[in-house]
Amino acid sequence: MADANPAGDSAAARPNRRKVREGTVVSDAMQSTVVVAVVERVRHPRYGKIVQRTKRLHVHDAEGAAKVGDRVRVVETRPLSKLKRWRLAEVMERAR
């Protein structure tokens, strides 16, 4: 069967979009890395109660723009180190 995209157009060849998450910066002690806590609210499979699950993501922040308490948007990326698989997309709200 012939290839549907012989020209190799990267926009059409990549139907899956990168994951995007929003969270709060909880640590900026490392250089060019921040730790972002992402809270997910899910319904318990048996009891039906809404429970919060927190995931701590190591995020690449090359410019050092994010500080503790900032609300940020992060985007999935290729592995950058042992723990870093996300990069900073934007700082949505600064800490007060």
Protein backbone atom coordinates (compact mmCIF):
# COMPACT_ATOMS: atom_id res chain seq x y z
CA MET A 1 0.00 0.00 0.00
CA ALA A 2 1.30 3.45 -0.89
CA ASP A 3 2.40 5.86 1.82
CA ALA A 4 -0.38 8.36 2.59
CA ASN A 5 2.14 11.16 3.11
CA PRO A 6 5.07 10.72 0.69
CA ALA A 7 6.26 14.34 1.03
CA GLY A 8 6.94 13.84 4.76
CA ASP A 9 4.88 16.86 5.85
CA SER A 10 5.52 16.93 9.60
CA ALA A 11 2.18 18.60 10.47
CA ALA A 12 0.11 15.83 8.88
CA ALA A 13 2.40 13.02 10.00
CA ARG A 14 2.04 13.88 13.71
CA PRO A 15 -1.64 13.53 14.66
CA ASN A 16 -0.97 13.11 18.41
CA ARG A 17 -0.55 16.40 20.19
CA ARG A 18 1.81 16.84 23.14
CA LYS A 19 0.28 16.63 26.61
CA VAL A 20 -0.26 19.97 28.33
CA ARG A 21 -0.68 20.35 32.09
CA GLU A 22 -1.16 23.28 34.48
CA GLY A 23 0.25 23.36 37.97
CA THR A 24 2.01 25.28 40.72
CA VAL A 25 5.78 25.58 41.12
CA VAL A 26 6.79 24.01 44.44
CA SER A 27 10.60 24.15 44.07
CA ASP A 28 13.10 26.17 42.04
CA ALA A 29 16.27 25.14 43.89
CA MET A 30 17.84 23.36 40.90
CA GLN A 31 19.40 25.24 38.02
CA SER A 32 17.27 25.26 34.84
CA THR A 33 14.76 22.91 36.49
CA VAL A 34 11.62 23.55 38.52
CA VAL A 35 9.31 21.08 40.23
CA VAL A 36 5.63 21.59 39.41
CA ALA A 37 2.77 20.02 41.39
CA VAL A 38 -0.13 19.10 39.13
CA VAL A 39 -3.41 18.34 40.93
CA GLU A 40 -5.77 15.93 39.20
CA ARG A 41 -9.31 15.42 40.42
CA VAL A 42 -10.65 11.95 39.65
CA ARG A 43 -13.71 10.00 40.67
CA HIS A 44 -12.97 6.95 42.84
CA PRO A 45 -13.86 3.86 40.81
CA ARG A 46 -15.81 2.10 43.57
CA TYR A 47 -17.07 4.79 45.95
CA GLY A 48 -17.64 7.62 43.52
CA LYS A 49 -16.04 10.26 45.72
CA ILE A 50 -13.91 12.89 43.97
CA VAL A 51 -10.31 12.53 45.18
CA GLN A 52 -7.27 14.70 44.48
CA ARG A 53 -4.09 13.14 43.16
CA THR A 54 -0.94 15.23 43.04
CA LYS A 55 1.84 14.51 40.58
CA ARG A 56 5.23 16.25 40.89
CA LEU A 57 6.76 16.91 37.48
CA HIS A 58 10.37 17.95 36.89
CA VAL A 59 10.17 20.73 34.30
CA HIS A 60 12.93 22.27 32.16
CA ASP A 61 13.07 26.05 32.66
CA ALA A 62 16.08 27.30 30.68
CA GLU A 63 15.57 31.02 31.41
CA GLY A 64 14.76 30.57 35.09
CA ALA A 65 11.46 32.41 34.62
CA ALA A 66 9.36 30.44 37.12
CA LYS A 67 9.55 30.98 40.88
CA VAL A 68 7.93 29.14 43.78
CA GLY A 69 4.18 29.75 43.91
CA ASP A 70 3.80 30.65 40.21
CA ARG A 71 1.01 29.04 38.22
CA VAL A 72 2.53 27.58 35.03
CA ARG A 73 1.64 25.63 31.91
CA VAL A 74 3.98 22.77 30.95
CA VAL A 75 4.28 20.74 27.75
CA GLU A 76 5.45 17.16 27.29
CA THR A 77 8.80 16.81 25.53
CA ARG A 78 11.54 14.27 24.82
CA PRO A 79 13.52 13.01 27.82
CA LEU A 80 15.97 15.74 28.86
CA SER A 81 17.44 13.91 31.86
CA LYS A 82 16.64 11.02 34.18
CA LEU A 83 13.52 12.76 35.54
CA LYS A 84 12.80 15.67 33.18
CA ARG A 85 10.19 14.96 30.49
CA TRP A 86 8.40 18.31 30.54
CA ARG A 87 9.33 21.88 29.59
CA LEU A 88 7.91 25.22 30.63
CA ALA A 89 5.45 26.64 28.10
CA GLU A 90 4.39 29.80 29.95
CA VAL A 91 4.01 31.42 33.34
CA MET A 92 0.28 32.06 33.61
CA GLU A 93 0.15 33.80 36.99
CA ARG A 94 2.89 35.11 39.24
CA ALA A 95 3.00 34.34 42.97
CA ARG A 96 1.78 37.16 45.19
